Amino acid sequence: MYIAEVDSGFGEDEWREFVTSQGFGHLVAAGRGRAVPVVVPTQFVLDGDEVILHLVGRNPILEAIEEQPRVLMSVAGDWAFIPSAWKAIGDEDPLLGIPTTYYAAVQLEGGATVVSDPGEVAAILHRQLAATQPELEIADPLDAHEAQLRTIRGVRIAIAQVRAKFKYGGNLDVEHREAVIAELERRGRPGDLAAARHTRRRIDGSG
């Protein structure tokens, strides 16, 4: 993905917070000799320097990972369309504004390991549930669902490279970004409010 300098991430804390808040992305495996890569939408957990997830054992991406373990987890969100008139302030002609889309995107690249041992799969499931429903107690997956665990595969991705993009008006001066923030907050959709927060945070330089 192309990342203009003004859209570069502020650092590890920024991309980690975003990826953790999303918890859902597209796992991409190129395999070998395939016309197109295999792409799977999936939940995941960012666990230290690993991405962990589970898939049904029949998922075709597992074969592609066996062919070539280098994979990519693509995470994008907190997006909002910015109409052209929103970028006009003062005496500027709103007809001359340039529309755009604000969004964040992080790509995590690394080597994937497929896990088939029921105990290891259970550990991945337990870690995912601890992240997605921490308020609820759960039975030990290995004790409660051992038969089902044999039909599931865990995947661990050791993160080797991170590309982070936060496209929130970094090419504009503060006054124009403040005008966009006001419009985002006025429209008030969930994506708008998230984009407004990102834009404000990056104006403040807080990463």
N, C-alpha and C. Protein backbone atom coordinates (compact mmCIF):
# COMPACT_ATOMS: atom_id res chain seq x y z
N MET A 1 0.85 -1.18 0.00
CA MET A 1 0.00 0.00 0.00
C MET A 1 0.89 1.24 0.00
N TYR A 2 0.44 2.25 -0.73
CA TYR A 2 1.18 3.51 -0.77
C TYR A 2 0.88 4.31 0.50
N ILE A 3 1.93 4.85 1.12
CA ILE A 3 1.78 5.66 2.32
C ILE A 3 2.52 6.97 2.11
N ALA A 4 1.76 8.06 1.93
CA ALA A 4 2.39 9.38 1.86
C ALA A 4 3.00 9.72 3.22
N GLU A 5 4.02 10.54 3.21
CA GLU A 5 4.71 10.87 4.46
C GLU A 5 3.74 11.45 5.50
N VAL A 6 2.79 12.27 5.04
CA VAL A 6 1.86 12.91 5.99
C VAL A 6 0.87 11.91 6.60
N ASP A 7 0.78 10.72 6.00
CA ASP A 7 -0.13 9.70 6.51
C ASP A 7 0.59 8.60 7.28
N SER A 8 1.89 8.75 7.47
CA SER A 8 2.65 7.72 8.18
C SER A 8 2.20 7.62 9.63
N GLY A 9 2.29 6.42 10.17
CA GLY A 9 1.95 6.23 11.57
C GLY A 9 2.95 6.92 12.48
N PHE A 10 2.47 7.28 13.68
CA PHE A 10 3.32 7.94 14.66
C PHE A 10 4.24 6.96 15.38
N GLY A 11 3.93 5.67 15.31
CA GLY A 11 4.76 4.71 16.01
C GLY A 11 3.97 3.48 16.41
N GLU A 12 4.62 2.60 17.14
CA GLU A 12 4.03 1.31 17.49
C GLU A 12 2.76 1.44 18.32
N ASP A 13 2.75 2.36 19.27
CA ASP A 13 1.57 2.48 20.11
C ASP A 13 0.32 2.80 19.30
N GLU A 14 0.48 3.64 18.27
CA GLU A 14 -0.67 4.04 17.46
C GLU A 14 -1.25 2.86 16.69
N TRP A 15 -0.38 2.14 15.97
CA TRP A 15 -0.93 1.04 15.16
C TRP A 15 -1.43 -0.11 16.02
N ARG A 16 -0.77 -0.35 17.16
CA ARG A 16 -1.26 -1.42 18.03
C ARG A 16 -2.65 -1.11 18.59
N GLU A 17 -2.86 0.11 19.01
CA GLU A 17 -4.17 0.49 19.54
C GLU A 17 -5.25 0.34 18.48
N PHE A 18 -4.95 0.74 17.26
CA PHE A 18 -5.92 0.63 16.18
C PHE A 18 -6.22 -0.83 15.86
N VAL A 19 -5.18 -1.64 15.67
CA VAL A 19 -5.38 -3.05 15.32
C VAL A 19 -6.16 -3.77 16.41
N THR A 20 -5.83 -3.52 17.66
CA THR A 20 -6.53 -4.16 18.77
C THR A 20 -7.99 -3.74 18.81
N SER A 21 -8.27 -2.47 18.54
CA SER A 21 -9.65 -1.98 18.56
C SER A 21 -10.49 -2.59 17.45
N GLN A 22 -9.87 -2.94 16.34
CA GLN A 22 -10.61 -3.53 15.22
C GLN A 22 -10.86 -5.01 15.44
N GLY A 23 -9.80 -5.78 15.63
CA GLY A 23 -9.96 -7.20 15.93
C GLY A 23 -10.50 -8.04 14.78
N PHE A 24 -10.57 -7.47 13.59
CA PHE A 24 -11.10 -8.18 12.43
C PHE A 24 -10.33 -7.68 11.21
N GLY A 25 -9.94 -8.62 10.35
CA GLY A 25 -9.19 -8.22 9.17
C GLY A 25 -9.30 -9.27 8.08
N HIS A 26 -8.45 -9.12 7.08
CA HIS A 26 -8.40 -10.06 5.96
C HIS A 26 -7.03 -10.72 5.94
N LEU A 27 -7.02 -12.03 6.10
CA LEU A 27 -5.78 -12.80 6.04
C LEU A 27 -5.53 -13.19 4.58
N VAL A 28 -4.33 -12.88 4.10
CA VAL A 28 -3.99 -13.09 2.69
C VAL A 28 -2.79 -14.02 2.60
N ALA A 29 -2.94 -15.09 1.84
CA ALA A 29 -1.84 -16.02 1.61
C ALA A 29 -1.68 -16.22 0.11
N ALA A 30 -0.48 -16.00 -0.39
CA ALA A 30 -0.24 -16.10 -1.84
C ALA A 30 -0.09 -17.53 -2.30
N GLY A 31 0.39 -18.42 -1.42
CA GLY A 31 0.68 -19.79 -1.85
C GLY A 31 1.77 -19.79 -2.90
N ARG A 32 1.77 -20.81 -3.72
CA ARG A 32 2.74 -20.90 -4.83
C ARG A 32 2.03 -21.28 -6.12
N GLY A 33 2.35 -20.54 -7.19
CA GLY A 33 1.80 -20.87 -8.49
C GLY A 33 0.32 -20.62 -8.65
N ARG A 34 -0.26 -19.80 -7.78
CA ARG A 34 -1.69 -19.49 -7.86
C ARG A 34 -1.91 -18.22 -8.67
N ALA A 35 -3.01 -18.19 -9.42
CA ALA A 35 -3.31 -16.99 -10.20
C ALA A 35 -3.66 -15.81 -9.30
N VAL A 36 -4.32 -16.09 -8.20
CA VAL A 36 -4.69 -15.05 -7.23
C VAL A 36 -4.44 -15.60 -5.83
N PRO A 37 -4.16 -14.72 -4.86
CA PRO A 37 -3.98 -15.19 -3.49
C PRO A 37 -5.31 -15.62 -2.88
N VAL A 38 -5.24 -16.35 -1.78
CA VAL A 38 -6.43 -16.71 -1.02
C VAL A 38 -6.63 -15.64 0.06
N VAL A 39 -7.84 -15.11 0.15
CA VAL A 39 -8.16 -14.05 1.10
C VAL A 39 -9.31 -14.50 1.99
N VAL A 40 -9.10 -14.42 3.31
CA VAL A 40 -10.11 -14.88 4.26
C VAL A 40 -10.42 -13.78 5.27
N PRO A 41 -11.66 -13.32 5.36
CA PRO A 41 -12.05 -12.40 6.42
C PRO A 41 -12.14 -13.16 7.74
N THR A 42 -11.55 -12.62 8.80
CA THR A 42 -11.52 -13.37 10.04
C THR A 42 -11.28 -12.48 11.25
N GLN A 43 -11.79 -12.93 12.40
CA GLN A 43 -11.40 -12.33 13.66
C GLN A 43 -10.00 -12.78 14.02
N PHE A 44 -9.34 -12.00 14.85
CA PHE A 44 -7.99 -12.36 15.29
C PHE A 44 -7.72 -11.61 16.59
N VAL A 45 -6.62 -11.97 17.22
CA VAL A 45 -6.14 -11.25 18.39
C VAL A 45 -4.68 -10.90 18.18
N LEU A 46 -4.33 -9.66 18.46
CA LEU A 46 -2.94 -9.24 18.47
C LEU A 46 -2.39 -9.58 19.85
N ASP A 47 -1.47 -10.54 19.90
CA ASP A 47 -0.95 -11.07 21.16
C ASP A 47 0.56 -10.86 21.19
N GLY A 48 0.97 -9.72 21.73
CA GLY A 48 2.39 -9.39 21.73
C GLY A 48 2.88 -9.19 20.31
N ASP A 49 3.84 -9.98 19.89
CA ASP A 49 4.39 -9.88 18.54
C ASP A 49 3.83 -10.95 17.62
N GLU A 50 2.68 -11.49 17.99
CA GLU A 50 1.99 -12.49 17.18
C GLU A 50 0.56 -12.07 16.89
N VAL A 51 0.06 -12.53 15.76
CA VAL A 51 -1.37 -12.52 15.48
C VAL A 51 -1.83 -13.96 15.62
N ILE A 52 -2.89 -14.19 16.40
CA ILE A 52 -3.42 -15.54 16.55
C ILE A 52 -4.88 -15.57 16.13
N LEU A 53 -5.29 -16.71 15.56
CA LEU A 53 -6.66 -16.88 15.09
C LEU A 53 -6.94 -18.36 14.90
N HIS A 54 -8.19 -18.67 14.62
CA HIS A 54 -8.52 -20.06 14.32
C HIS A 54 -9.44 -20.11 13.11
N LEU A 55 -9.38 -21.22 12.39
CA LEU A 55 -10.16 -21.41 11.18
C LEU A 55 -10.64 -22.86 11.13
N VAL A 56 -11.72 -23.10 10.42
CA VAL A 56 -12.16 -24.47 10.21
C VAL A 56 -11.09 -25.18 9.38
N GLY A 57 -10.87 -26.45 9.66
CA GLY A 57 -9.78 -27.18 9.00
C GLY A 57 -9.92 -27.29 7.50
N ARG A 58 -11.13 -27.11 6.96
CA ARG A 58 -11.33 -27.19 5.50
C ARG A 58 -11.04 -25.87 4.80
N ASN A 59 -10.68 -24.84 5.53
CA ASN A 59 -10.46 -23.53 4.90
C ASN A 59 -9.31 -23.61 3.89
N PRO A 60 -9.53 -23.18 2.64
CA PRO A 60 -8.51 -23.32 1.60
C PRO A 60 -7.24 -22.52 1.87
N ILE A 61 -7.30 -21.52 2.75
CA ILE A 61 -6.09 -20.74 2.99
C ILE A 61 -5.02 -21.56 3.70
N LEU A 62 -5.44 -22.61 4.41
CA LEU A 62 -4.47 -23.44 5.12
C LEU A 62 -3.54 -24.15 4.14
N GLU A 63 -4.07 -24.57 3.02
CA GLU A 63 -3.24 -25.20 1.98
C GLU A 63 -2.27 -24.19 1.39
N ALA A 64 -2.75 -22.96 1.18
CA ALA A 64 -1.87 -21.92 0.65
C ALA A 64 -0.75 -21.60 1.63
N ILE A 65 -1.05 -21.61 2.93
CA ILE A 65 -0.02 -21.36 3.94
C ILE A 65 1.02 -22.47 3.93
N GLU A 66 0.59 -23.72 3.74
CA GLU A 66 1.54 -24.82 3.65
C GLU A 66 2.47 -24.65 2.46
N GLU A 67 1.94 -24.11 1.36
CA GLU A 67 2.76 -23.87 0.17
C GLU A 67 3.77 -22.77 0.40
N GLN A 68 3.34 -21.72 1.10
CA GLN A 68 4.18 -20.54 1.34
C GLN A 68 3.71 -19.89 2.63
N PRO A 69 4.49 -20.00 3.71
CA PRO A 69 4.00 -19.52 5.01
C PRO A 69 3.99 -18.02 5.20
N ARG A 70 4.59 -17.26 4.29
CA ARG A 70 4.57 -15.81 4.45
C ARG A 70 3.18 -15.29 4.13
N VAL A 71 2.55 -14.60 5.09
CA VAL A 71 1.17 -14.14 4.92
C VAL A 71 1.07 -12.67 5.30
N LEU A 72 -0.10 -12.13 5.04
CA LEU A 72 -0.39 -10.73 5.36
C LEU A 72 -1.75 -10.65 6.03
N MET A 73 -1.80 -9.96 7.17
CA MET A 73 -3.08 -9.61 7.78
C MET A 73 -3.34 -8.14 7.51
N SER A 74 -4.41 -7.87 6.78
CA SER A 74 -4.76 -6.51 6.40
C SER A 74 -5.94 -6.04 7.24
N VAL A 75 -5.75 -4.92 7.93
CA VAL A 75 -6.77 -4.37 8.82
C VAL A 75 -7.05 -2.93 8.39
N ALA A 76 -8.31 -2.61 8.13
CA ALA A 76 -8.68 -1.25 7.75
C ALA A 76 -9.98 -0.88 8.43
N GLY A 77 -10.15 0.41 8.76
CA GLY A 77 -11.38 0.83 9.41
C GLY A 77 -11.37 2.29 9.77
N ASP A 78 -12.33 2.66 10.65
CA ASP A 78 -12.49 4.05 11.10
C ASP A 78 -12.49 5.01 9.91
N TRP A 79 -13.29 4.64 8.89
CA TRP A 79 -13.28 5.42 7.67
C TRP A 79 -14.50 6.35 7.59
N ALA A 80 -14.32 7.43 6.85
CA ALA A 80 -15.40 8.40 6.64
C ALA A 80 -15.15 9.14 5.34
N PHE A 81 -16.20 9.28 4.54
CA PHE A 81 -16.11 10.08 3.31
C PHE A 81 -16.18 11.56 3.66
N ILE A 82 -15.30 12.34 3.05
CA ILE A 82 -15.23 13.78 3.29
C ILE A 82 -15.70 14.50 2.03
N PRO A 83 -16.92 15.06 2.02
CA PRO A 83 -17.41 15.78 0.84
C PRO A 83 -16.53 16.99 0.51
N SER A 84 -16.55 17.37 -0.74
CA SER A 84 -15.67 18.44 -1.21
C SER A 84 -15.92 19.75 -0.46
N ALA A 85 -17.17 20.09 -0.18
CA ALA A 85 -17.47 21.39 0.44
C ALA A 85 -16.94 21.49 1.87
N TRP A 86 -16.71 20.35 2.53
CA TRP A 86 -16.24 20.39 3.91
C TRP A 86 -14.84 20.97 4.04
N LYS A 87 -14.10 20.97 2.94
CA LYS A 87 -12.70 21.42 3.01
C LYS A 87 -12.55 22.88 2.60
N ALA A 88 -13.68 23.58 2.49
CA ALA A 88 -13.64 25.01 2.16
C ALA A 88 -13.94 25.81 3.43
N ILE A 89 -13.09 26.77 3.74
CA ILE A 89 -13.31 27.64 4.90
C ILE A 89 -13.19 29.09 4.47
N GLY A 90 -13.73 29.98 5.28
CA GLY A 90 -13.63 31.41 4.97
C GLY A 90 -14.25 31.74 3.64
N ASP A 91 -13.50 32.45 2.80
CA ASP A 91 -13.99 32.88 1.49
C ASP A 91 -13.75 31.86 0.39
N GLU A 92 -13.25 30.68 0.74
CA GLU A 92 -12.94 29.67 -0.28
C GLU A 92 -14.23 29.14 -0.92
N ASP A 93 -14.16 28.87 -2.21
CA ASP A 93 -15.31 28.39 -2.97
C ASP A 93 -15.53 26.91 -2.68
N PRO A 94 -16.66 26.52 -2.09
CA PRO A 94 -16.89 25.10 -1.78
C PRO A 94 -16.97 24.23 -3.02
N LEU A 95 -17.25 24.86 -4.18
CA LEU A 95 -17.32 24.09 -5.42
C LEU A 95 -15.94 23.60 -5.86
N LEU A 96 -14.90 24.21 -5.31
CA LEU A 96 -13.54 23.86 -5.72
C LEU A 96 -12.88 22.88 -4.75
N GLY A 97 -13.59 22.48 -3.72
CA GLY A 97 -13.03 21.53 -2.77
C GLY A 97 -12.79 20.17 -3.40
N ILE A 98 -11.89 19.42 -2.82
CA ILE A 98 -11.56 18.09 -3.34
C ILE A 98 -12.02 17.04 -2.33
N PRO A 99 -12.97 16.18 -2.73
CA PRO A 99 -13.44 15.16 -1.79
C PRO A 99 -12.38 14.09 -1.56
N THR A 100 -12.51 13.40 -0.45
CA THR A 100 -11.55 12.34 -0.14
C THR A 100 -12.20 11.38 0.86
N THR A 101 -11.47 10.39 1.26
CA THR A 101 -11.90 9.46 2.32
C THR A 101 -10.81 9.40 3.37
N TYR A 102 -11.21 9.57 4.61
CA TYR A 102 -10.30 9.38 5.74
C TYR A 102 -10.40 7.92 6.19
N TYR A 103 -9.27 7.32 6.52
CA TYR A 103 -9.28 5.94 7.01
C TYR A 103 -7.93 5.59 7.62
N ALA A 104 -7.95 4.51 8.39
CA ALA A 104 -6.71 3.92 8.91
C ALA A 104 -6.55 2.53 8.31
N ALA A 105 -5.31 2.14 8.05
CA ALA A 105 -5.03 0.81 7.51
C ALA A 105 -3.68 0.34 8.03
N VAL A 106 -3.64 -0.89 8.49
CA VAL A 106 -2.40 -1.49 8.97
C VAL A 106 -2.26 -2.86 8.34
N GLN A 107 -1.07 -3.14 7.83
CA GLN A 107 -0.77 -4.45 7.26
C GLN A 107 0.33 -5.10 8.08
N LEU A 108 0.02 -6.29 8.59
CA LEU A 108 0.96 -7.06 9.41
C LEU A 108 1.43 -8.25 8.59
N GLU A 109 2.73 -8.31 8.34
CA GLU A 109 3.29 -9.37 7.50
C GLU A 109 4.20 -10.26 8.35
N GLY A 110 4.14 -11.56 8.09
CA GLY A 110 5.01 -12.46 8.84
C GLY A 110 4.82 -13.91 8.45
N GLY A 111 5.55 -14.76 9.13
CA GLY A 111 5.47 -16.19 8.87
C GLY A 111 4.38 -16.84 9.69
N ALA A 112 3.56 -17.64 9.03
CA ALA A 112 2.42 -18.29 9.68
C ALA A 112 2.74 -19.75 10.00
N THR A 113 2.29 -20.17 11.15
CA THR A 113 2.38 -21.57 11.56
C THR A 113 0.98 -22.09 11.81
N VAL A 114 0.65 -23.21 11.19
CA VAL A 114 -0.66 -23.83 11.38
C VAL A 114 -0.57 -24.83 12.53
N VAL A 115 -1.51 -24.72 13.46
CA VAL A 115 -1.52 -25.54 14.67
C VAL A 115 -2.68 -26.53 14.59
N SER A 116 -2.40 -27.82 14.78
CA SER A 116 -3.46 -28.82 14.72
C SER A 116 -3.67 -29.55 16.04
N ASP A 117 -2.70 -29.53 16.93
CA ASP A 117 -2.86 -30.20 18.22
C ASP A 117 -4.03 -29.60 18.98
N PRO A 118 -4.99 -30.42 19.43
CA PRO A 118 -6.18 -29.88 20.11
C PRO A 118 -5.85 -29.01 21.31
N GLY A 119 -4.83 -29.37 22.07
CA GLY A 119 -4.45 -28.57 23.22
C GLY A 119 -3.97 -27.18 22.82
N GLU A 120 -3.19 -27.10 21.75
CA GLU A 120 -2.71 -25.81 21.28
C GLU A 120 -3.83 -24.99 20.65
N VAL A 121 -4.72 -25.66 19.93
CA VAL A 121 -5.88 -24.96 19.36
C VAL A 121 -6.75 -24.40 20.50
N ALA A 122 -6.94 -25.21 21.54
CA ALA A 122 -7.74 -24.76 22.68
C ALA A 122 -7.12 -23.53 23.33
N ALA A 123 -5.81 -23.49 23.42
CA ALA A 123 -5.13 -22.33 24.01
C ALA A 123 -5.36 -21.07 23.18
N ILE A 124 -5.36 -21.21 21.86
CA ILE A 124 -5.64 -20.06 20.98
C ILE A 124 -7.08 -19.60 21.16
N LEU A 125 -8.01 -20.54 21.18
CA LEU A 125 -9.41 -20.18 21.38
C LEU A 125 -9.62 -19.48 22.72
N HIS A 126 -8.98 -19.98 23.75
CA HIS A 126 -9.12 -19.39 25.08
C HIS A 126 -8.59 -17.97 25.08
N ARG A 127 -7.47 -17.73 24.42
CA ARG A 127 -6.89 -16.38 24.35
C ARG A 127 -7.80 -15.45 23.56
N GLN A 128 -8.38 -15.93 22.48
CA GLN A 128 -9.29 -15.09 21.70
C GLN A 128 -10.52 -14.72 22.51
N LEU A 129 -11.10 -15.69 23.20
CA LEU A 129 -12.29 -15.41 24.00
C LEU A 129 -11.98 -14.47 25.15
N ALA A 130 -10.81 -14.58 25.72
CA ALA A 130 -10.42 -13.67 26.80
C ALA A 130 -10.36 -12.24 26.30
N ALA A 131 -10.04 -12.07 25.02
CA ALA A 131 -9.97 -10.73 24.45
C ALA A 131 -11.33 -10.22 24.00
N THR A 132 -12.19 -11.12 23.49
CA THR A 132 -13.46 -10.67 22.91
C THR A 132 -14.61 -10.65 23.91
N GLN A 133 -14.55 -11.49 24.95
CA GLN A 133 -15.60 -11.48 25.97
C GLN A 133 -14.98 -11.66 27.35
N PRO A 134 -14.16 -10.70 27.76
CA PRO A 134 -13.43 -10.84 29.03
C PRO A 134 -14.33 -10.88 30.26
N GLU A 135 -15.55 -10.40 30.10
CA GLU A 135 -16.46 -10.35 31.24
C GLU A 135 -17.15 -11.68 31.51
N LEU A 136 -17.00 -12.67 30.63
CA LEU A 136 -17.70 -13.94 30.76
C LEU A 136 -16.74 -15.08 31.07
N GLU A 137 -17.13 -15.94 31.99
CA GLU A 137 -16.37 -17.15 32.23
C GLU A 137 -16.69 -18.16 31.14
N ILE A 138 -15.71 -19.01 30.81
CA ILE A 138 -15.94 -20.03 29.80
C ILE A 138 -15.40 -21.36 30.30
N ALA A 139 -15.97 -22.44 29.76
CA ALA A 139 -15.44 -23.76 30.06
C ALA A 139 -14.11 -23.93 29.33
N ASP A 140 -13.27 -24.79 29.85
CA ASP A 140 -12.02 -25.10 29.16
C ASP A 140 -12.37 -25.73 27.81
N PRO A 141 -11.97 -25.11 26.68
CA PRO A 141 -12.35 -25.66 25.38
C PRO A 141 -11.91 -27.11 25.19
N LEU A 142 -10.75 -27.48 25.74
CA LEU A 142 -10.26 -28.84 25.56
C LEU A 142 -11.15 -29.85 26.28
N ASP A 143 -11.65 -29.47 27.46
CA ASP A 143 -12.53 -30.36 28.21
C ASP A 143 -13.93 -30.42 27.61
N ALA A 144 -14.42 -29.25 27.17
CA ALA A 144 -15.82 -29.17 26.75
C ALA A 144 -16.04 -29.53 25.28
N HIS A 145 -15.04 -29.30 24.43
CA HIS A 145 -15.28 -29.42 22.98
C HIS A 145 -14.12 -30.13 22.27
N GLU A 146 -13.59 -31.16 22.86
CA GLU A 146 -12.41 -31.80 22.27
C GLU A 146 -12.69 -32.33 20.86
N ALA A 147 -13.87 -32.91 20.64
CA ALA A 147 -14.18 -33.46 19.32
C ALA A 147 -14.21 -32.36 18.26
N GLN A 148 -14.85 -31.24 18.60
CA GLN A 148 -14.93 -30.12 17.65
C GLN A 148 -13.55 -29.52 17.39
N LEU A 149 -12.70 -29.54 18.42
CA LEU A 149 -11.37 -28.96 18.25
C LEU A 149 -10.57 -29.68 17.18
N ARG A 150 -10.87 -30.93 16.96
CA ARG A 150 -10.12 -31.70 15.96
C ARG A 150 -10.48 -31.26 14.54
N THR A 151 -11.55 -30.51 14.38
CA THR A 151 -11.93 -30.00 13.05
C THR A 151 -11.46 -28.57 12.83
N ILE A 152 -10.76 -28.01 13.81
CA ILE A 152 -10.32 -26.61 13.77
C ILE A 152 -8.80 -26.56 13.72
N ARG A 153 -8.29 -25.53 13.08
CA ARG A 153 -6.85 -25.29 13.06
C ARG A 153 -6.57 -23.90 13.62
N GLY A 154 -5.55 -23.81 14.41
CA GLY A 154 -5.09 -22.50 14.87
C GLY A 154 -4.02 -21.98 13.93
N VAL A 155 -3.88 -20.68 13.90
CA VAL A 155 -2.83 -20.04 13.10
C VAL A 155 -2.12 -19.01 13.97
N ARG A 156 -0.81 -19.10 13.98
CA ARG A 156 0.04 -18.11 14.65
C ARG A 156 0.89 -17.41 13.60
N ILE A 157 0.87 -16.09 13.63
CA ILE A 157 1.66 -15.30 12.67
C ILE A 157 2.67 -14.49 13.45
N ALA A 158 3.95 -14.78 13.23
CA ALA A 158 5.02 -14.03 13.86
C ALA A 158 5.25 -12.75 13.05
N ILE A 159 4.91 -11.61 13.63
CA ILE A 159 4.97 -10.35 12.89
C ILE A 159 6.42 -9.97 12.59
N ALA A 160 6.70 -9.79 11.30
CA ALA A 160 8.04 -9.42 10.87
C ALA A 160 8.10 -8.01 10.31
N GLN A 161 6.99 -7.53 9.78
CA GLN A 161 6.96 -6.19 9.17
C GLN A 161 5.58 -5.58 9.36
N VAL A 162 5.55 -4.28 9.64
CA VAL A 162 4.30 -3.55 9.83
C VAL A 162 4.28 -2.33 8.93
N ARG A 163 3.18 -2.16 8.21
CA ARG A 163 2.96 -0.94 7.42
C ARG A 163 1.69 -0.28 7.95
N ALA A 164 1.80 0.95 8.39
CA ALA A 164 0.67 1.63 9.02
C ALA A 164 0.39 2.95 8.31
N LYS A 165 -0.89 3.18 8.02
CA LYS A 165 -1.31 4.40 7.33
C LYS A 165 -2.51 5.00 8.07
N PHE A 166 -2.42 6.28 8.38
CA PHE A 166 -3.50 6.99 9.04
C PHE A 166 -3.80 8.24 8.21
N LYS A 167 -4.75 8.09 7.29
CA LYS A 167 -5.06 9.14 6.31
C LYS A 167 -6.16 10.03 6.87
N TYR A 168 -5.75 11.05 7.61
CA TYR A 168 -6.71 11.94 8.27
C TYR A 168 -6.33 13.40 8.06
N GLY A 169 -6.21 13.79 6.79
CA GLY A 169 -6.01 15.19 6.46
C GLY A 169 -4.65 15.75 6.80
N GLY A 170 -3.64 14.91 6.85
CA GLY A 170 -2.30 15.39 7.19
C GLY A 170 -1.73 16.38 6.20
N ASN A 171 -2.32 16.43 5.00
CA ASN A 171 -1.87 17.39 3.98
C ASN A 171 -2.51 18.76 4.15
N LEU A 172 -3.42 18.91 5.11
CA LEU A 172 -4.12 20.18 5.34
C LEU A 172 -3.57 20.89 6.55
N ASP A 173 -3.76 22.23 6.59
CA ASP A 173 -3.37 22.96 7.80
C ASP A 173 -4.41 22.71 8.90
N VAL A 174 -4.10 23.17 10.09
CA VAL A 174 -4.94 22.87 11.25
C VAL A 174 -6.35 23.45 11.06
N GLU A 175 -6.47 24.66 10.50
CA GLU A 175 -7.78 25.29 10.35
C GLU A 175 -8.70 24.45 9.47
N HIS A 176 -8.16 23.92 8.37
CA HIS A 176 -8.99 23.10 7.48
C HIS A 176 -9.35 21.77 8.15
N ARG A 177 -8.43 21.21 8.91
CA ARG A 177 -8.74 19.95 9.60
C ARG A 177 -9.78 20.17 10.70
N GLU A 178 -9.69 21.32 11.38
CA GLU A 178 -10.70 21.63 12.40
C GLU A 178 -12.09 21.73 11.77
N ALA A 179 -12.17 22.31 10.58
CA ALA A 179 -13.45 22.42 9.89
C ALA A 179 -14.01 21.05 9.55
N VAL A 180 -13.14 20.14 9.11
CA VAL A 180 -13.57 18.78 8.78
C VAL A 180 -14.02 18.06 10.05
N ILE A 181 -13.29 18.22 11.14
CA ILE A 181 -13.67 17.59 12.41
C ILE A 181 -15.08 18.03 12.81
N ALA A 182 -15.36 19.32 12.70
CA ALA A 182 -16.68 19.83 13.08
C ALA A 182 -17.78 19.19 12.24
N GLU A 183 -17.53 19.01 10.96
CA GLU A 183 -18.53 18.40 10.09
C GLU A 183 -18.69 16.91 10.39
N LEU A 184 -17.59 16.25 10.68
CA LEU A 184 -17.67 14.83 11.04
C LEU A 184 -18.50 14.65 12.30
N GLU A 185 -18.25 15.48 13.29
CA GLU A 185 -18.99 15.38 14.55
C GLU A 185 -20.46 15.73 14.34
N ARG A 186 -20.73 16.67 13.45
CA ARG A 186 -22.13 17.04 13.18
C ARG A 186 -22.86 15.88 12.50
N ARG A 187 -22.22 15.23 11.53
CA ARG A 187 -22.88 14.11 10.84
C ARG A 187 -23.04 12.92 11.79
N GLY A 188 -22.03 12.65 12.57
CA GLY A 188 -22.18 11.80 13.73
C GLY A 188 -22.30 10.30 13.54
N ARG A 189 -21.97 9.77 12.39
CA ARG A 189 -21.97 8.33 12.24
C ARG A 189 -20.79 7.73 13.01
N PRO A 190 -20.85 6.42 13.35
CA PRO A 190 -19.74 5.84 14.10
C PRO A 190 -18.38 6.03 13.41
N GLY A 191 -18.33 5.82 12.10
CA GLY A 191 -17.08 6.03 11.38
C GLY A 191 -16.64 7.48 11.39
N ASP A 192 -17.62 8.39 11.34
CA ASP A 192 -17.30 9.82 11.39
C ASP A 192 -16.66 10.19 12.72
N LEU A 193 -17.24 9.70 13.81
CA LEU A 193 -16.73 10.05 15.13
C LEU A 193 -15.35 9.46 15.35
N ALA A 194 -15.13 8.24 14.85
CA ALA A 194 -13.80 7.64 14.95
C ALA A 194 -12.79 8.44 14.13
N ALA A 195 -13.18 8.84 12.92
CA ALA A 195 -12.28 9.64 12.08
C ALA A 195 -11.99 10.99 12.71
N ALA A 196 -13.00 11.60 13.34
CA ALA A 196 -12.79 12.88 14.02
C ALA A 196 -11.78 12.72 15.15
N ARG A 197 -11.89 11.63 15.91
CA ARG A 197 -10.94 11.39 17.00
C ARG A 197 -9.53 11.20 16.48
N HIS A 198 -9.38 10.44 15.40
CA HIS A 198 -8.05 10.25 14.81
C HIS A 198 -7.47 11.58 14.33
N THR A 199 -8.31 12.37 13.67
CA THR A 199 -7.84 13.65 13.15
C THR A 199 -7.40 14.57 14.27
N ARG A 200 -8.21 14.65 15.33
CA ARG A 200 -7.87 15.48 16.49
C ARG A 200 -6.57 15.00 17.14
N ARG A 201 -6.47 13.68 17.31
CA ARG A 201 -5.29 13.12 17.95
C ARG A 201 -4.02 13.43 17.18
N ARG A 202 -4.13 13.37 15.86
CA ARG A 202 -2.94 13.62 15.05
C ARG A 202 -2.61 15.11 14.97
N ILE A 203 -3.61 15.96 15.07
CA ILE A 203 -3.32 17.40 15.21
C ILE A 203 -2.54 17.64 16.50
N ASP A 204 -2.99 16.98 17.55
CA ASP A 204 -2.33 17.16 18.86
C ASP A 204 -0.96 16.48 18.92
N GLY A 205 -0.69 15.61 17.93
CA GLY A 205 0.59 14.92 17.91
C GLY A 205 0.73 13.86 18.98
N SER A 206 -0.42 13.31 19.43
CA SER A 206 -0.36 12.38 20.55
C SER A 206 -0.20 10.93 20.12
N GLY A 207 -0.19 10.66 18.81
CA GLY A 207 0.09 9.32 18.35
C GLY A 207 -1.00 8.31 18.62
